[in-house]
mmCIF file of all heavy atoms, coordinates in Angstrom:
data_MODEL
# 
_entry.id   MODEL 
# 
loop_
_atom_site.group_PDB 
_atom_site.id 
_atom_site.type_symbol 
_atom_site.label_atom_id 
_atom_site.label_alt_id 
_atom_site.label_comp_id 
_atom_site.label_asym_id 
_atom_site.label_entity_id 
_atom_site.label_seq_id 
_atom_site.pdbx_PDB_ins_code 
_atom_site.Cartn_x 
_atom_site.Cartn_y 
_atom_site.Cartn_z 
_atom_site.occupancy 
_atom_site.B_iso_or_equiv 
_atom_site.pdbx_formal_charge 
_atom_site.auth_seq_id 
_atom_site.auth_comp_id 
_atom_site.auth_asym_id 
_atom_site.auth_atom_id 
_atom_site.pdbx_PDB_model_num 
ATOM 1   N N   . VAL A 1 1  ? 4.309   20.984 -13.012 1.00 0.00 ? 1  VAL A N   1 
ATOM 2   C CA  . VAL A 1 1  ? 3.978   20.025 -14.075 1.00 0.00 ? 1  VAL A CA  1 
ATOM 3   C C   . VAL A 1 1  ? 3.210   18.836 -13.507 1.00 0.00 ? 1  VAL A C   1 
ATOM 4   O O   . VAL A 1 1  ? 2.256   18.343 -14.122 1.00 0.00 ? 1  VAL A O   1 
ATOM 5   C CB  . VAL A 1 1  ? 5.276   19.569 -14.776 1.00 0.00 ? 1  VAL A CB  1 
ATOM 6   C CG1 . VAL A 1 1  ? 4.979   18.439 -15.755 1.00 0.00 ? 1  VAL A CG1 1 
ATOM 7   C CG2 . VAL A 1 1  ? 5.916   20.732 -15.503 1.00 0.00 ? 1  VAL A CG2 1 
ATOM 8   N N   . ALA A 1 2  ? 3.598   18.362 -12.326 1.00 0.00 ? 2  ALA A N   1 
ATOM 9   C CA  . ALA A 1 2  ? 2.922   17.223 -11.708 1.00 0.00 ? 2  ALA A CA  1 
ATOM 10  C C   . ALA A 1 2  ? 1.468   17.551 -11.377 1.00 0.00 ? 2  ALA A C   1 
ATOM 11  O O   . ALA A 1 2  ? 0.558   16.764 -11.652 1.00 0.00 ? 2  ALA A O   1 
ATOM 12  C CB  . ALA A 1 2  ? 3.665   16.788 -10.446 1.00 0.00 ? 2  ALA A CB  1 
ATOM 13  N N   . GLU A 1 3  ? 1.242   18.709 -10.783 1.00 0.00 ? 3  GLU A N   1 
ATOM 14  C CA  . GLU A 1 3  ? -0.125  19.090 -10.433 1.00 0.00 ? 3  GLU A CA  1 
ATOM 15  C C   . GLU A 1 3  ? -0.983  19.255 -11.685 1.00 0.00 ? 3  GLU A C   1 
ATOM 16  O O   . GLU A 1 3  ? -2.143  18.818 -11.723 1.00 0.00 ? 3  GLU A O   1 
ATOM 17  C CB  . GLU A 1 3  ? -0.100  20.394 -9.629  1.00 0.00 ? 3  GLU A CB  1 
ATOM 18  C CG  . GLU A 1 3  ? -1.459  20.808 -9.090  1.00 0.00 ? 3  GLU A CG  1 
ATOM 19  C CD  . GLU A 1 3  ? -1.381  22.034 -8.209  1.00 0.00 ? 3  GLU A CD  1 
ATOM 20  O OE1 . GLU A 1 3  ? -0.250  22.425 -7.860  1.00 0.00 ? 3  GLU A OE1 1 
ATOM 21  O OE2 . GLU A 1 3  ? -2.440  22.597 -7.884  1.00 0.00 ? 3  GLU A OE2 1 
ATOM 22  N N   . SER A 1 4  ? -0.426  19.847 -12.730 1.00 0.00 ? 4  SER A N   1 
ATOM 23  C CA  . SER A 1 4  ? -1.167  20.022 -13.975 1.00 0.00 ? 4  SER A CA  1 
ATOM 24  C C   . SER A 1 4  ? -1.502  18.676 -14.610 1.00 0.00 ? 4  SER A C   1 
ATOM 25  O O   . SER A 1 4  ? -2.627  18.449 -15.076 1.00 0.00 ? 4  SER A O   1 
ATOM 26  C CB  . SER A 1 4  ? -0.351  20.878 -14.944 1.00 0.00 ? 4  SER A CB  1 
ATOM 27  O OG  . SER A 1 4  ? -0.994  20.966 -16.196 1.00 0.00 ? 4  SER A OG  1 
ATOM 28  N N   . ALA A 1 5  ? -0.539  17.744 -14.628 1.00 0.00 ? 5  ALA A N   1 
ATOM 29  C CA  . ALA A 1 5  ? -0.773  16.429 -15.227 1.00 0.00 ? 5  ALA A CA  1 
ATOM 30  C C   . ALA A 1 5  ? -1.824  15.646 -14.453 1.00 0.00 ? 5  ALA A C   1 
ATOM 31  O O   . ALA A 1 5  ? -2.709  15.003 -15.045 1.00 0.00 ? 5  ALA A O   1 
ATOM 32  C CB  . ALA A 1 5  ? 0.541   15.646 -15.283 1.00 0.00 ? 5  ALA A CB  1 
ATOM 33  N N   . MET A 1 6  ? -1.763  15.688 -13.117 1.00 0.00 ? 6  MET A N   1 
ATOM 34  C CA  . MET A 1 6  ? -2.751  14.965 -12.309 1.00 0.00 ? 6  MET A CA  1 
ATOM 35  C C   . MET A 1 6  ? -4.144  15.536 -12.526 1.00 0.00 ? 6  MET A C   1 
ATOM 36  O O   . MET A 1 6  ? -5.122  14.782 -12.648 1.00 0.00 ? 6  MET A O   1 
ATOM 37  C CB  . MET A 1 6  ? -2.354  15.023 -10.843 1.00 0.00 ? 6  MET A CB  1 
ATOM 38  C CG  . MET A 1 6  ? -3.330  14.305 -9.912  1.00 0.00 ? 6  MET A CG  1 
ATOM 39  S SD  . MET A 1 6  ? -3.471  12.518 -10.264 1.00 0.00 ? 6  MET A SD  1 
ATOM 40  C CE  . MET A 1 6  ? -1.921  11.920 -9.572  1.00 0.00 ? 6  MET A CE  1 
ATOM 41  N N   . ARG A 1 7  ? -4.264  16.844 -12.577 1.00 0.00 ? 7  ARG A N   1 
ATOM 42  C CA  . ARG A 1 7  ? -5.583  17.445 -12.807 1.00 0.00 ? 7  ARG A CA  1 
ATOM 43  C C   . ARG A 1 7  ? -6.138  17.048 -14.180 1.00 0.00 ? 7  ARG A C   1 
ATOM 44  O O   . ARG A 1 7  ? -7.336  16.803 -14.328 1.00 0.00 ? 7  ARG A O   1 
ATOM 45  C CB  . ARG A 1 7  ? -5.493  18.961 -12.689 1.00 0.00 ? 7  ARG A CB  1 
ATOM 46  C CG  . ARG A 1 7  ? -5.246  19.454 -11.277 1.00 0.00 ? 7  ARG A CG  1 
ATOM 47  C CD  . ARG A 1 7  ? -5.297  20.973 -11.175 1.00 0.00 ? 7  ARG A CD  1 
ATOM 48  N NE  . ARG A 1 7  ? -4.974  21.426 -9.827  1.00 0.00 ? 7  ARG A NE  1 
ATOM 49  C CZ  . ARG A 1 7  ? -5.852  21.466 -8.822  1.00 0.00 ? 7  ARG A CZ  1 
ATOM 50  N NH1 . ARG A 1 7  ? -7.103  21.102 -9.047  1.00 0.00 ? 7  ARG A NH1 1 
ATOM 51  N NH2 . ARG A 1 7  ? -5.487  21.874 -7.629  1.00 0.00 ? 7  ARG A NH2 1 
ATOM 52  N N   . GLU A 1 8  ? -5.273  16.988 -15.177 1.00 0.00 ? 8  GLU A N   1 
ATOM 53  C CA  . GLU A 1 8  ? -5.740  16.601 -16.511 1.00 0.00 ? 8  GLU A CA  1 
ATOM 54  C C   . GLU A 1 8  ? -6.208  15.156 -16.536 1.00 0.00 ? 8  GLU A C   1 
ATOM 55  O O   . GLU A 1 8  ? -7.266  14.841 -17.101 1.00 0.00 ? 8  GLU A O   1 
ATOM 56  C CB  . GLU A 1 8  ? -4.610  16.816 -17.525 1.00 0.00 ? 8  GLU A CB  1 
ATOM 57  C CG  . GLU A 1 8  ? -5.001  16.421 -18.948 1.00 0.00 ? 8  GLU A CG  1 
ATOM 58  C CD  . GLU A 1 8  ? -3.909  16.723 -19.952 1.00 0.00 ? 8  GLU A CD  1 
ATOM 59  O OE1 . GLU A 1 8  ? -2.967  17.463 -19.601 1.00 0.00 ? 8  GLU A OE1 1 
ATOM 60  O OE2 . GLU A 1 8  ? -4.005  16.226 -21.087 1.00 0.00 ? 8  GLU A OE2 1 
ATOM 61  N N   . VAL A 1 9  ? -5.449  14.256 -15.935 1.00 0.00 ? 9  VAL A N   1 
ATOM 62  C CA  . VAL A 1 9  ? -5.820  12.838 -15.949 1.00 0.00 ? 9  VAL A CA  1 
ATOM 63  C C   . VAL A 1 9  ? -7.073  12.597 -15.115 1.00 0.00 ? 9  VAL A C   1 
ATOM 64  O O   . VAL A 1 9  ? -7.974  11.848 -15.522 1.00 0.00 ? 9  VAL A O   1 
ATOM 65  C CB  . VAL A 1 9  ? -4.649  11.978 -15.441 1.00 0.00 ? 9  VAL A CB  1 
ATOM 66  C CG1 . VAL A 1 9  ? -5.073  10.522 -15.302 1.00 0.00 ? 9  VAL A CG1 1 
ATOM 67  C CG2 . VAL A 1 9  ? -3.465  12.094 -16.391 1.00 0.00 ? 9  VAL A CG2 1 
ATOM 68  N N   . VAL A 1 10 ? -7.165  13.230 -13.944 1.00 0.00 ? 10 VAL A N   1 
ATOM 69  C CA  . VAL A 1 10 ? -8.358  13.077 -13.109 1.00 0.00 ? 10 VAL A CA  1 
ATOM 70  C C   . VAL A 1 10 ? -9.582  13.637 -13.830 1.00 0.00 ? 10 VAL A C   1 
ATOM 71  O O   . VAL A 1 10 ? -10.676 13.065 -13.764 1.00 0.00 ? 10 VAL A O   1 
ATOM 72  C CB  . VAL A 1 10 ? -8.151  13.777 -11.751 1.00 0.00 ? 10 VAL A CB  1 
ATOM 73  C CG1 . VAL A 1 10 ? -9.469  13.880 -10.982 1.00 0.00 ? 10 VAL A CG1 1 
ATOM 74  C CG2 . VAL A 1 10 ? -7.132  13.019 -10.922 1.00 0.00 ? 10 VAL A CG2 1 
ATOM 75  N N   . GLY A 1 11 ? -9.413  14.733 -14.557 1.00 0.00 ? 11 GLY A N   1 
ATOM 76  C CA  . GLY A 1 11 ? -10.531 15.315 -15.295 1.00 0.00 ? 11 GLY A CA  1 
ATOM 77  C C   . GLY A 1 11 ? -11.014 14.461 -16.438 1.00 0.00 ? 11 GLY A C   1 
ATOM 78  O O   . GLY A 1 11 ? -12.112 14.691 -16.956 1.00 0.00 ? 11 GLY A O   1 
ATOM 79  N N   . GLN A 1 12 ? -10.243 13.454 -16.845 1.00 0.00 ? 12 GLN A N   1 
ATOM 80  C CA  . GLN A 1 12 ? -10.637 12.562 -17.927 1.00 0.00 ? 12 GLN A CA  1 
ATOM 81  C C   . GLN A 1 12 ? -11.249 11.257 -17.409 1.00 0.00 ? 12 GLN A C   1 
ATOM 82  O O   . GLN A 1 12 ? -11.616 10.403 -18.219 1.00 0.00 ? 12 GLN A O   1 
ATOM 83  C CB  . GLN A 1 12 ? -9.427  12.246 -18.800 1.00 0.00 ? 12 GLN A CB  1 
ATOM 84  C CG  . GLN A 1 12 ? -8.858  13.449 -19.527 1.00 0.00 ? 12 GLN A CG  1 
ATOM 85  C CD  . GLN A 1 12 ? -7.565  13.138 -20.252 1.00 0.00 ? 12 GLN A CD  1 
ATOM 86  O OE1 . GLN A 1 12 ? -6.995  12.051 -20.097 1.00 0.00 ? 12 GLN A OE1 1 
ATOM 87  N NE2 . GLN A 1 12 ? -7.089  14.072 -21.056 1.00 0.00 ? 12 GLN A NE2 1 
ATOM 88  N N   . ASN A 1 13 ? -11.346 11.066 -16.111 1.00 0.00 ? 13 ASN A N   1 
ATOM 89  C CA  . ASN A 1 13 ? -11.838 9.813  -15.536 1.00 0.00 ? 13 ASN A CA  1 
ATOM 90  C C   . ASN A 1 13 ? -13.033 10.085 -14.634 1.00 0.00 ? 13 ASN A C   1 
ATOM 91  O O   . ASN A 1 13 ? -13.206 11.187 -14.110 1.00 0.00 ? 13 ASN A O   1 
ATOM 92  C CB  . ASN A 1 13 ? -10.731 9.115  -14.734 1.00 0.00 ? 13 ASN A CB  1 
ATOM 93  C CG  . ASN A 1 13 ? -9.635  8.558  -15.616 1.00 0.00 ? 13 ASN A CG  1 
ATOM 94  O OD1 . ASN A 1 13 ? -9.702  7.421  -16.062 1.00 0.00 ? 13 ASN A OD1 1 
ATOM 95  N ND2 . ASN A 1 13 ? -8.601  9.352  -15.884 1.00 0.00 ? 13 ASN A ND2 1 
ATOM 96  N N   . GLN A 1 14 ? -13.850 9.026  -14.420 1.00 0.00 ? 14 GLN A N   1 
ATOM 97  C CA  . GLN A 1 14 ? -14.978 9.104  -13.513 1.00 0.00 ? 14 GLN A CA  1 
ATOM 98  C C   . GLN A 1 14 ? -14.484 8.943  -12.076 1.00 0.00 ? 14 GLN A C   1 
ATOM 99  O O   . GLN A 1 14 ? -13.400 8.413  -11.817 1.00 0.00 ? 14 GLN A O   1 
ATOM 100 C CB  . GLN A 1 14 ? -16.008 8.022  -13.844 1.00 0.00 ? 14 GLN A CB  1 
ATOM 101 C CG  . GLN A 1 14 ? -16.460 8.031  -15.296 1.00 0.00 ? 14 GLN A CG  1 
ATOM 102 C CD  . GLN A 1 14 ? -17.237 9.267  -15.653 1.00 0.00 ? 14 GLN A CD  1 
ATOM 103 O OE1 . GLN A 1 14 ? -18.115 9.693  -14.911 1.00 0.00 ? 14 GLN A OE1 1 
ATOM 104 N NE2 . GLN A 1 14 ? -16.927 9.863  -16.791 1.00 0.00 ? 14 GLN A NE2 1 
ATOM 105 N N   . ILE A 1 15 ? -15.315 9.369  -11.130 1.00 0.00 ? 15 ILE A N   1 
ATOM 106 C CA  . ILE A 1 15 ? -14.881 9.361  -9.731  1.00 0.00 ? 15 ILE A CA  1 
ATOM 107 C C   . ILE A 1 15 ? -14.805 7.944  -9.161  1.00 0.00 ? 15 ILE A C   1 
ATOM 108 O O   . ILE A 1 15 ? -13.905 7.635  -8.379  1.00 0.00 ? 15 ILE A O   1 
ATOM 109 C CB  . ILE A 1 15 ? -15.808 10.253 -8.877  1.00 0.00 ? 15 ILE A CB  1 
ATOM 110 C CG1 . ILE A 1 15 ? -15.226 10.395 -7.462  1.00 0.00 ? 15 ILE A CG1 1 
ATOM 111 C CG2 . ILE A 1 15 ? -17.227 9.714  -8.844  1.00 0.00 ? 15 ILE A CG2 1 
ATOM 112 C CD1 . ILE A 1 15 ? -15.937 11.421 -6.622  1.00 0.00 ? 15 ILE A CD1 1 
ATOM 113 N N   . ASP A 1 16 ? -15.748 7.065  -9.535  1.00 0.00 ? 16 ASP A N   1 
ATOM 114 C CA  . ASP A 1 16 ? -15.768 5.721  -8.943  1.00 0.00 ? 16 ASP A CA  1 
ATOM 115 C C   . ASP A 1 16 ? -14.499 4.927  -9.251  1.00 0.00 ? 16 ASP A C   1 
ATOM 116 O O   . ASP A 1 16 ? -13.913 4.331  -8.340  1.00 0.00 ? 16 ASP A O   1 
ATOM 117 C CB  . ASP A 1 16 ? -17.008 4.970  -9.420  1.00 0.00 ? 16 ASP A CB  1 
ATOM 118 C CG  . ASP A 1 16 ? -18.286 5.551  -8.825  1.00 0.00 ? 16 ASP A CG  1 
ATOM 119 O OD1 . ASP A 1 16 ? -18.202 6.193  -7.759  1.00 0.00 ? 16 ASP A OD1 1 
ATOM 120 O OD2 . ASP A 1 16 ? -19.370 5.387  -9.422  1.00 0.00 ? 16 ASP A OD2 1 
ATOM 121 N N   . PRO A 1 17 ? -14.024 4.867  -10.508 1.00 0.00 ? 17 PRO A N   1 
ATOM 122 C CA  . PRO A 1 17 ? -12.763 4.145  -10.745 1.00 0.00 ? 17 PRO A CA  1 
ATOM 123 C C   . PRO A 1 17 ? -11.578 4.752  -10.010 1.00 0.00 ? 17 PRO A C   1 
ATOM 124 O O   . PRO A 1 17 ? -10.685 4.031  -9.584  1.00 0.00 ? 17 PRO A O   1 
ATOM 125 C CB  . PRO A 1 17 ? -12.594 4.241  -12.270 1.00 0.00 ? 17 PRO A CB  1 
ATOM 126 C CG  . PRO A 1 17 ? -13.956 4.483  -12.806 1.00 0.00 ? 17 PRO A CG  1 
ATOM 127 C CD  . PRO A 1 17 ? -14.646 5.306  -11.760 1.00 0.00 ? 17 PRO A CD  1 
ATOM 128 N N   . ILE A 1 18 ? -11.560 6.076  -9.861  1.00 0.00 ? 18 ILE A N   1 
ATOM 129 C CA  . ILE A 1 18 ? -10.443 6.710  -9.152  1.00 0.00 ? 18 ILE A CA  1 
ATOM 130 C C   . ILE A 1 18 ? -10.425 6.276  -7.690  1.00 0.00 ? 18 ILE A C   1 
ATOM 131 O O   . ILE A 1 18 ? -9.365  6.049  -7.103  1.00 0.00 ? 18 ILE A O   1 
ATOM 132 C CB  . ILE A 1 18 ? -10.538 8.238  -9.263  1.00 0.00 ? 18 ILE A CB  1 
ATOM 133 C CG1 . ILE A 1 18 ? -10.433 8.668  -10.725 1.00 0.00 ? 18 ILE A CG1 1 
ATOM 134 C CG2 . ILE A 1 18 ? -9.440  8.913  -8.444  1.00 0.00 ? 18 ILE A CG2 1 
ATOM 135 C CD1 . ILE A 1 18 ? -10.627 10.153 -10.930 1.00 0.00 ? 18 ILE A CD1 1 
ATOM 136 N N   . LEU A 1 19 ? -11.612 6.141  -7.093  1.00 0.00 ? 19 LEU A N   1 
ATOM 137 C CA  . LEU A 1 19 ? -11.687 5.759  -5.683  1.00 0.00 ? 19 LEU A CA  1 
ATOM 138 C C   . LEU A 1 19 ? -11.417 4.281  -5.472  1.00 0.00 ? 19 LEU A C   1 
ATOM 139 O O   . LEU A 1 19 ? -11.125 3.866  -4.354  1.00 0.00 ? 19 LEU A O   1 
ATOM 140 C CB  . LEU A 1 19 ? -13.076 6.106  -5.134  1.00 0.00 ? 19 LEU A CB  1 
ATOM 141 C CG  . LEU A 1 19 ? -13.441 7.599  -5.080  1.00 0.00 ? 19 LEU A CG  1 
ATOM 142 C CD1 . LEU A 1 19 ? -14.879 7.771  -4.621  1.00 0.00 ? 19 LEU A CD1 1 
ATOM 143 C CD2 . LEU A 1 19 ? -12.493 8.357  -4.161  1.00 0.00 ? 19 LEU A CD2 1 
ATOM 144 N N   . THR A 1 20 ? -11.530 3.450  -6.508  1.00 0.00 ? 20 THR A N   1 
ATOM 145 C CA  . THR A 1 20 ? -11.452 2.001  -6.318  1.00 0.00 ? 20 THR A CA  1 
ATOM 146 C C   . THR A 1 20 ? -10.255 1.392  -7.041  1.00 0.00 ? 20 THR A C   1 
ATOM 147 O O   . THR A 1 20 ? -9.160  1.331  -6.494  1.00 0.00 ? 20 THR A O   1 
ATOM 148 C CB  . THR A 1 20 ? -12.763 1.351  -6.777  1.00 0.00 ? 20 THR A CB  1 
ATOM 149 O OG1 . THR A 1 20 ? -13.047 1.761  -8.144  1.00 0.00 ? 20 THR A OG1 1 
ATOM 150 C CG2 . THR A 1 20 ? -13.921 1.794  -5.894  1.00 0.00 ? 20 THR A CG2 1 
ATOM 151 N N   . GLN A 1 21 ? -10.465 0.949  -8.284  1.00 0.00 ? 21 GLN A N   1 
ATOM 152 C CA  . GLN A 1 21 ? -9.494  0.057  -8.906  1.00 0.00 ? 21 GLN A CA  1 
ATOM 153 C C   . GLN A 1 21 ? -8.573  0.705  -9.916  1.00 0.00 ? 21 GLN A C   1 
ATOM 154 O O   . GLN A 1 21 ? -7.644  0.051  -10.401 1.00 0.00 ? 21 GLN A O   1 
ATOM 155 C CB  . GLN A 1 21 ? -10.218 -1.117 -9.598  1.00 0.00 ? 21 GLN A CB  1 
ATOM 156 C CG  . GLN A 1 21 ? -10.879 -0.750 -10.935 1.00 0.00 ? 21 GLN A CG  1 
ATOM 157 C CD  . GLN A 1 21 ? -12.270 -0.220 -10.772 1.00 0.00 ? 21 GLN A CD  1 
ATOM 158 O OE1 . GLN A 1 21 ? -12.689 0.085  -9.659  1.00 0.00 ? 21 GLN A OE1 1 
ATOM 159 N NE2 . GLN A 1 21 ? -13.000 -0.139 -11.858 1.00 0.00 ? 21 GLN A NE2 1 
ATOM 160 N N   . ASP A 1 22 ? -8.770  1.951  -10.279 1.00 0.00 ? 22 ASP A N   1 
ATOM 161 C CA  . ASP A 1 22 ? -8.000  2.538  -11.371 1.00 0.00 ? 22 ASP A CA  1 
ATOM 162 C C   . ASP A 1 22 ? -6.856  3.437  -10.918 1.00 0.00 ? 22 ASP A C   1 
ATOM 163 O O   . ASP A 1 22 ? -6.395  4.284  -11.691 1.00 0.00 ? 22 ASP A O   1 
ATOM 164 C CB  . ASP A 1 22 ? -8.935  3.343  -12.289 1.00 0.00 ? 22 ASP A CB  1 
ATOM 165 C CG  . ASP A 1 22 ? -9.613  2.451  -13.307 1.00 0.00 ? 22 ASP A CG  1 
ATOM 166 O OD1 . ASP A 1 22 ? -9.338  1.241  -13.279 1.00 0.00 ? 22 ASP A OD1 1 
ATOM 167 O OD2 . ASP A 1 22 ? -10.408 2.967  -14.107 1.00 0.00 ? 22 ASP A OD2 1 
ATOM 168 N N   . ARG A 1 23 ? -6.371  3.271  -9.708  1.00 0.00 ? 23 ARG A N   1 
ATOM 169 C CA  . ARG A 1 23 ? -5.277  4.137  -9.255  1.00 0.00 ? 23 ARG A CA  1 
ATOM 170 C C   . ARG A 1 23 ? -3.975  3.846  -10.002 1.00 0.00 ? 23 ARG A C   1 
ATOM 171 O O   . ARG A 1 23 ? -3.257  4.764  -10.376 1.00 0.00 ? 23 ARG A O   1 
ATOM 172 C CB  . ARG A 1 23 ? -5.066  3.971  -7.752  1.00 0.00 ? 23 ARG A CB  1 
ATOM 173 C CG  . ARG A 1 23 ? -6.208  4.498  -6.907  1.00 0.00 ? 23 ARG A CG  1 
ATOM 174 C CD  . ARG A 1 23 ? -5.811  4.594  -5.452  1.00 0.00 ? 23 ARG A CD  1 
ATOM 175 N NE  . ARG A 1 23 ? -6.895  5.109  -4.632  1.00 0.00 ? 23 ARG A NE  1 
ATOM 176 C CZ  . ARG A 1 23 ? -6.793  5.394  -3.345  1.00 0.00 ? 23 ARG A CZ  1 
ATOM 177 N NH1 . ARG A 1 23 ? -5.640  5.202  -2.731  1.00 0.00 ? 23 ARG A NH1 1 
ATOM 178 N NH2 . ARG A 1 23 ? -7.831  5.860  -2.667  1.00 0.00 ? 23 ARG A NH2 1 
ATOM 179 N N   . ALA A 1 24 ? -3.671  2.573  -10.202 1.00 0.00 ? 24 ALA A N   1 
ATOM 180 C CA  . ALA A 1 24 ? -2.424  2.227  -10.889 1.00 0.00 ? 24 ALA A CA  1 
ATOM 181 C C   . ALA A 1 24 ? -2.401  2.760  -12.323 1.00 0.00 ? 24 ALA A C   1 
ATOM 182 O O   . ALA A 1 24 ? -1.400  3.368  -12.733 1.00 0.00 ? 24 ALA A O   1 
ATOM 183 C CB  . ALA A 1 24 ? -2.210  0.713  -10.867 1.00 0.00 ? 24 ALA A CB  1 
ATOM 184 N N   . PRO A 1 25 ? -3.464  2.572  -13.135 1.00 0.00 ? 25 PRO A N   1 
ATOM 185 C CA  . PRO A 1 25 ? -3.432  3.184  -14.472 1.00 0.00 ? 25 PRO A CA  1 
ATOM 186 C C   . PRO A 1 25 ? -3.313  4.700  -14.442 1.00 0.00 ? 25 PRO A C   1 
ATOM 187 O O   . PRO A 1 25 ? -2.639  5.284  -15.299 1.00 0.00 ? 25 PRO A O   1 
ATOM 188 C CB  . PRO A 1 25 ? -4.767  2.733  -15.087 1.00 0.00 ? 25 PRO A CB  1 
ATOM 189 C CG  . PRO A 1 25 ? -5.127  1.488  -14.360 1.00 0.00 ? 25 PRO A CG  1 
ATOM 190 C CD  . PRO A 1 25 ? -4.629  1.693  -12.969 1.00 0.00 ? 25 PRO A CD  1 
ATOM 191 N N   . ILE A 1 26 ? -3.950  5.343  -13.463 1.00 0.00 ? 26 ILE A N   1 
ATOM 192 C CA  . ILE A 1 26 ? -3.856  6.805  -13.373 1.00 0.00 ? 26 ILE A CA  1 
ATOM 193 C C   . ILE A 1 26 ? -2.428  7.215  -13.049 1.00 0.00 ? 26 ILE A C   1 
ATOM 194 O O   . ILE A 1 26 ? -1.906  8.203  -13.600 1.00 0.00 ? 26 ILE A O   1 
ATOM 195 C CB  . ILE A 1 26 ? -4.846  7.323  -12.323 1.00 0.00 ? 26 ILE A CB  1 
ATOM 196 C CG1 . ILE A 1 26 ? -6.284  7.179  -12.842 1.00 0.00 ? 26 ILE A CG1 1 
ATOM 197 C CG2 . ILE A 1 26 ? -4.556  8.778  -11.971 1.00 0.00 ? 26 ILE A CG2 1 
ATOM 198 C CD1 . ILE A 1 26 ? -7.333  7.567  -11.841 1.00 0.00 ? 26 ILE A CD1 1 
ATOM 199 N N   . GLU A 1 27 ? -1.769  6.492  -12.160 1.00 0.00 ? 27 GLU A N   1 
ATOM 200 C CA  . GLU A 1 27 ? -0.373  6.804  -11.836 1.00 0.00 ? 27 GLU A CA  1 
ATOM 201 C C   . GLU A 1 27 ? 0.520   6.691  -13.075 1.00 0.00 ? 27 GLU A C   1 
ATOM 202 O O   . GLU A 1 27 ? 1.389   7.541  -13.304 1.00 0.00 ? 27 GLU A O   1 
ATOM 203 C CB  . GLU A 1 27 ? 0.124   5.865  -10.735 1.00 0.00 ? 27 GLU A CB  1 
ATOM 204 C CG  . GLU A 1 27 ? -0.548  6.083  -9.391  1.00 0.00 ? 27 GLU A CG  1 
ATOM 205 C CD  . GLU A 1 27 ? -0.181  5.015  -8.379  1.00 0.00 ? 27 GLU A CD  1 
ATOM 206 O OE1 . GLU A 1 27 ? 0.446   4.011  -8.771  1.00 0.00 ? 27 GLU A OE1 1 
ATOM 207 O OE2 . GLU A 1 27 ? -0.525  5.172  -7.199  1.00 0.00 ? 27 GLU A OE2 1 
ATOM 208 N N   . VAL A 1 28 ? 0.288   5.669  -13.880 1.00 0.00 ? 28 VAL A N   1 
ATOM 209 C CA  . VAL A 1 28 ? 1.088   5.497  -15.100 1.00 0.00 ? 28 VAL A CA  1 
ATOM 210 C C   . VAL A 1 28 ? 0.806   6.632  -16.086 1.00 0.00 ? 28 VAL A C   1 
ATOM 211 O O   . VAL A 1 28 ? 1.724   7.183  -16.707 1.00 0.00 ? 28 VAL A O   1 
ATOM 212 C CB  . VAL A 1 28 ? 0.794   4.127  -15.731 1.00 0.00 ? 28 VAL A CB  1 
ATOM 213 C CG1 . VAL A 1 28 ? 1.503   3.987  -17.072 1.00 0.00 ? 28 VAL A CG1 1 
ATOM 214 C CG2 . VAL A 1 28 ? 1.235   3.007  -14.797 1.00 0.00 ? 28 VAL A CG2 1 
ATOM 215 N N   . GLN A 1 29 ? -0.472  7.006  -16.237 1.00 0.00 ? 29 GLN A N   1 
ATOM 216 C CA  . GLN A 1 29 ? -0.819  8.095  -17.149 1.00 0.00 ? 29 GLN A CA  1 
ATOM 217 C C   . GLN A 1 29 ? -0.176  9.414  -16.708 1.00 0.00 ? 29 GLN A C   1 
ATOM 218 O O   . GLN A 1 29 ? 0.346   10.166 -17.542 1.00 0.00 ? 29 GLN A O   1 
ATOM 219 C CB  . GLN A 1 29 ? -2.331  8.250  -17.215 1.00 0.00 ? 29 GLN A CB  1 
ATOM 220 C CG  . GLN A 1 29 ? -3.053  7.071  -17.858 1.00 0.00 ? 29 GLN A CG  1 
ATOM 221 C CD  . GLN A 1 29 ? -4.554  7.261  -17.855 1.00 0.00 ? 29 GLN A CD  1 
ATOM 222 O OE1 . GLN A 1 29 ? -5.061  8.375  -17.940 1.00 0.00 ? 29 GLN A OE1 1 
ATOM 223 N NE2 . GLN A 1 29 ? -5.279  6.166  -17.762 1.00 0.00 ? 29 GLN A NE2 1 
# 
């Protein structure tokens, strides 16, 4: 379930925010 959820959330975001400032919102999602 964790791997599936992370793939879904990462697939909804751009790469630059994931690499920089959007890690905390992604963790919450």
